């Protein structure tokens, strides 16, 4: 059995209520729910939240919210792992044993159904614990700078000063869209960023963290192009 779990707490600080804030006319969480539905790979789509308004909106868009997340898993310091573990345990009380779980972030407006299908196929084909989305850094991380005393700059690693960017190894970062995993891997706290995982590479233009108002505006600008594709 394959399930989707979308974490969506109500207490976001930098962008208040961002999980249900309107993005191009729809609550942000609706994009994640819709992609999960369109993918056709899930037996159930769940939202885990501590917020009644979020729960009602999620239900209106077709997700299930059979339980409310406890307050101790809804503060600013709770990481995603314990939230997913709690959700799996609660869900298995209702529907029985779960094989594969996909954690989809509620703020992922460029998520695509095909990527969700490809992620599940990769999880099965590679026989790994997790598959998650990554994308490339737009600039070689080996040539990164830092600002030091008296507003001067230094390289993090000056060994790469004379190296051409095209000669440097490509680096990737988490794209923050979804994480497919074996249910047991989630429950056992298997490390995600490790050789237990396989990456699903996305183009940079379809990746956008949304933590600040500037991020939100950038996502709106990107959506003009992406919606034309």
Protein backbone atom coordinates (compact mmCIF):
# COMPACT_ATOMS: atom_id res chain seq x y z
CA UNK A 1 0.00 0.00 0.00
CA UNK A 2 1.28 3.45 -0.94
CA UNK A 3 0.25 6.53 1.01
CA UNK A 4 0.94 10.24 0.81
CA UNK A 5 1.45 12.30 3.96
CA UNK A 6 1.44 16.10 3.72
CA UNK A 7 2.63 17.90 6.87
CA UNK A 8 0.94 21.30 7.27
CA UNK A 9 1.07 22.98 10.65
CA UNK A 10 -0.72 26.22 11.31
CA UNK A 11 2.00 28.22 13.04
CA UNK A 12 4.33 29.31 10.24
CA UNK A 13 6.04 32.54 11.30
CA UNK A 14 7.94 34.15 8.42
CA UNK A 15 4.96 33.84 6.05
CA UNK A 16 1.88 33.55 8.30
CA UNK A 17 -0.57 30.82 7.24
CA UNK A 18 1.58 30.07 4.19
CA UNK A 19 0.25 26.51 3.84
CA UNK A 20 -3.16 27.87 2.90
CA UNK A 21 -2.24 31.31 1.61
CA UNK A 22 -3.58 31.85 -1.90
CA UNK A 23 -1.03 31.26 -4.65
CA UNK A 24 -2.37 32.09 -8.10
CA UNK A 25 -5.89 31.77 -6.76
CA UNK A 26 -5.57 28.47 -4.85
CA UNK A 27 -4.48 27.61 -1.32
CA UNK A 28 -0.83 26.61 -1.48
CA UNK A 29 -1.52 23.12 -0.09
CA UNK A 30 -3.93 22.45 -2.97
CA UNK A 31 -1.01 22.06 -5.40
CA UNK A 32 0.47 19.22 -3.37
CA UNK A 33 -2.88 17.47 -2.98
CA UNK A 34 -3.68 17.84 -6.67
CA UNK A 35 -0.31 16.45 -7.80
CA UNK A 36 -0.74 13.47 -5.48
CA UNK A 37 -4.22 12.80 -6.88
CA UNK A 38 -3.12 13.19 -10.48
CA UNK A 39 -0.18 10.81 -10.05
CA UNK A 40 -2.53 7.88 -9.46
CA UNK A 41 0.00 6.03 -7.30
CA UNK A 42 -1.54 6.56 -3.86
CA UNK A 43 -4.11 4.44 -2.08
CA UNK A 44 -4.68 7.30 0.38
CA UNK A 45 -3.69 10.96 0.63
CA UNK A 46 -3.43 12.27 4.20
CA UNK A 47 -2.73 15.67 5.69
CA UNK A 48 -1.29 15.90 9.19
CA UNK A 49 -2.03 19.23 10.83
CA UNK A 50 -2.74 20.85 14.17
CA UNK A 51 -4.99 23.48 12.57
CA UNK A 52 -8.74 23.12 12.00
CA UNK A 53 -8.86 25.58 9.09
CA UNK A 54 -6.05 23.77 7.28
CA UNK A 55 -7.78 20.46 7.95
CA UNK A 56 -11.05 21.71 6.45
CA UNK A 57 -9.37 23.14 3.35
CA UNK A 58 -7.42 19.91 2.85
CA UNK A 59 -10.64 17.90 3.05
CA UNK A 60 -12.32 20.23 0.56
CA UNK A 61 -9.56 19.46 -1.93
CA UNK A 62 -9.91 15.71 -1.43
CA UNK A 63 -7.35 14.80 1.23
CA UNK A 64 -8.09 12.77 4.36
CA UNK A 65 -7.53 14.22 7.84
CA UNK A 66 -8.58 11.44 10.21
CA UNK A 67 -6.60 12.76 13.19
CA UNK A 68 -5.15 16.04 14.43
CA UNK A 69 -1.45 16.40 15.09
CA UNK A 70 -0.57 16.91 18.78
CA UNK A 71 0.82 20.26 19.91
CA UNK A 72 4.18 18.78 20.91
CA UNK A 73 4.75 17.93 17.23
CA UNK A 74 3.60 21.32 15.94
CA UNK A 75 6.07 23.83 17.34
CA UNK A 76 8.87 25.73 15.59
CA UNK A 77 11.50 23.17 16.53
CA UNK A 78 9.85 19.91 15.48
CA UNK A 79 11.51 18.36 12.44
CA UNK A 80 9.68 16.49 9.71
CA UNK A 81 10.84 13.00 10.75
CA UNK A 82 8.90 12.73 14.04
CA UNK A 83 5.80 14.16 12.32
CA UNK A 84 5.88 11.46 9.63
CA UNK A 85 6.52 8.71 12.18
CA UNK A 86 3.52 9.87 14.21
CA UNK A 87 1.38 9.98 11.06
CA UNK A 88 2.39 6.48 9.93
CA UNK A 89 1.57 5.04 13.35
CA UNK A 90 -1.85 6.74 13.42
CA UNK A 91 -2.64 5.81 9.82
CA UNK A 92 -1.75 2.15 10.32
CA UNK A 93 -4.29 2.01 13.16
CA UNK A 94 -6.92 2.95 10.58
CA UNK A 95 -5.96 1.22 7.32
CA UNK A 96 -3.43 -1.44 8.33
CA UNK A 97 0.17 -1.93 7.30
CA UNK A 98 1.71 0.56 4.89
CA UNK A 99 4.49 -0.32 2.45
CA UNK A 100 5.67 2.97 0.96
CA UNK A 101 5.18 6.52 2.20
CA UNK A 102 5.64 9.77 0.32
CA UNK A 103 6.05 12.89 2.41
CA UNK A 104 5.04 15.86 0.24
CA UNK A 105 5.61 19.35 1.54
CA UNK A 106 2.55 21.57 1.62
CA UNK A 107 4.48 24.45 0.07
CA UNK A 108 5.56 22.93 -3.24
CA UNK A 109 3.63 24.73 -6.00
CA UNK A 110 5.78 23.32 -8.82
CA UNK A 111 5.47 19.67 -7.84
CA UNK A 112 4.43 17.43 -10.73
CA UNK A 113 2.53 14.16 -10.80
CA UNK A 114 5.07 12.58 -13.16
CA UNK A 115 7.87 13.23 -10.69
CA UNK A 116 5.90 11.45 -7.98
CA UNK A 117 5.44 8.44 -10.26
CA UNK A 118 9.10 8.48 -11.28
CA UNK A 119 10.10 8.68 -7.62
CA UNK A 120 8.13 5.55 -6.72
CA UNK A 121 9.55 3.68 -9.70
CA UNK A 122 13.07 4.65 -8.65
CA UNK A 123 12.41 3.57 -5.04
CA UNK A 124 11.41 0.12 -6.27
CA UNK A 125 14.02 -0.19 -9.02
CA UNK A 126 17.00 0.95 -6.92
CA UNK A 127 15.88 -1.02 -3.85
CA UNK A 128 16.84 1.91 -1.63
CA UNK A 129 15.31 3.30 1.54
CA UNK A 130 14.44 6.74 0.16
CA UNK A 131 14.11 8.74 -3.03
CA UNK A 132 13.94 12.51 -2.85
CA UNK A 133 14.18 15.45 -5.22
CA UNK A 134 17.43 17.36 -5.71
CA UNK A 135 18.68 20.07 -8.00
CA UNK A 136 22.04 21.63 -8.81
CA UNK A 137 23.50 24.68 -7.14
CA UNK A 138 23.55 27.62 -9.57
CA UNK A 139 27.19 28.42 -8.70
CA UNK A 140 30.13 26.15 -7.79
CA UNK A 141 30.05 25.67 -4.02
CA UNK A 142 33.82 25.15 -4.04
CA UNK A 143 34.25 28.85 -4.84
CA UNK A 144 31.90 30.09 -2.11
CA UNK A 145 32.81 33.24 -0.19
CA UNK A 146 32.28 34.40 3.36
CA UNK A 147 32.33 37.89 4.86
CA UNK A 148 34.85 38.25 7.68
CA UNK A 149 36.07 40.98 10.01
CA UNK A 150 35.99 44.59 8.82
CA UNK A 151 33.70 43.70 5.91
CA UNK A 152 36.35 41.80 3.97
CA UNK A 153 35.91 38.55 2.08
CA UNK A 154 37.56 35.15 2.13
CA UNK A 155 36.99 31.93 0.23
CA UNK A 156 35.78 29.01 2.27
CA UNK A 157 38.49 27.02 0.51
CA UNK A 158 41.16 29.02 -1.31
CA UNK A 159 42.52 25.83 -2.94
CA UNK A 160 39.90 26.34 -5.64
CA UNK A 161 40.79 29.95 -6.49
CA UNK A 162 42.57 29.07 -9.74
CA UNK A 163 40.22 26.30 -10.78
CA UNK A 164 37.83 26.87 -13.67
CA UNK A 165 34.20 26.44 -12.71
CA UNK A 166 33.66 23.85 -15.46
CA UNK A 167 36.39 21.69 -13.90
CA UNK A 168 34.70 21.54 -10.50
CA UNK A 169 32.44 18.69 -9.38
CA UNK A 170 28.72 19.39 -9.66
CA UNK A 171 26.98 19.81 -6.32
CA UNK A 172 23.31 19.26 -5.46
CA UNK A 173 20.90 20.34 -2.74
CA UNK A 174 17.56 19.09 -1.50
CA UNK A 175 14.78 20.45 -3.71
CA UNK A 176 12.27 20.34 -0.85
CA UNK A 177 9.33 18.83 -2.74
CA UNK A 178 8.84 15.22 -1.67
CA UNK A 179 10.49 12.21 -0.04
CA UNK A 180 9.47 8.70 -1.02
CA UNK A 181 10.49 6.08 1.51
CA UNK A 182 9.87 2.61 2.77
CA UNK A 183 7.57 2.83 5.78
CA UNK A 184 10.09 0.89 7.86
CA UNK A 185 12.87 3.32 6.88
CA UNK A 186 10.84 6.25 8.19
CA UNK A 187 9.93 4.40 11.39
CA UNK A 188 13.56 3.33 11.96
CA UNK A 189 14.85 6.88 11.48
CA UNK A 190 17.14 5.87 8.62
CA UNK A 191 19.21 8.88 7.59
CA UNK A 192 17.79 10.49 4.44
CA UNK A 193 20.94 12.26 3.24
CA UNK A 194 23.02 9.11 2.89
CA UNK A 195 23.80 6.20 0.58
CA UNK A 196 20.46 4.74 1.63
CA UNK A 197 18.83 7.27 -0.74
CA UNK A 198 18.65 7.78 -4.49
CA UNK A 199 18.16 11.25 -6.00
CA UNK A 200 15.51 12.37 -8.46
CA UNK A 201 17.08 15.34 -10.24
CA UNK A 202 14.87 18.32 -11.09
CA UNK A 203 15.71 21.35 -13.24
CA UNK A 204 16.47 24.43 -11.15
CA UNK A 205 13.64 26.49 -12.62
CA UNK A 206 11.10 24.09 -11.07
CA UNK A 207 12.58 24.35 -7.59
CA UNK A 208 11.75 27.11 -5.10
CA UNK A 209 12.03 27.23 -1.33
CA UNK A 210 9.31 29.45 0.08
CA UNK A 211 10.37 30.68 3.49
CA UNK A 212 10.27 34.47 3.04
CA UNK A 213 8.17 37.05 1.22
CA UNK A 214 10.97 37.37 -1.36
CA UNK A 215 10.78 33.61 -1.95
CA UNK A 216 7.01 33.89 -2.43
CA UNK A 217 7.41 36.65 -4.99
CA UNK A 218 10.08 34.69 -6.84
CA UNK A 219 7.74 31.68 -6.97
CA UNK A 220 4.99 33.86 -8.44
CA UNK A 221 7.37 35.07 -11.14
CA UNK A 222 8.53 31.53 -11.92
CA UNK A 223 4.95 30.29 -12.14
CA UNK A 224 4.31 32.51 -15.16
CA UNK A 225 6.87 30.56 -17.17
CA UNK A 226 6.19 27.12 -15.68
CA UNK A 227 2.45 27.36 -16.33
CA UNK A 228 3.19 27.93 -20.01
CA UNK A 229 5.19 24.68 -20.31
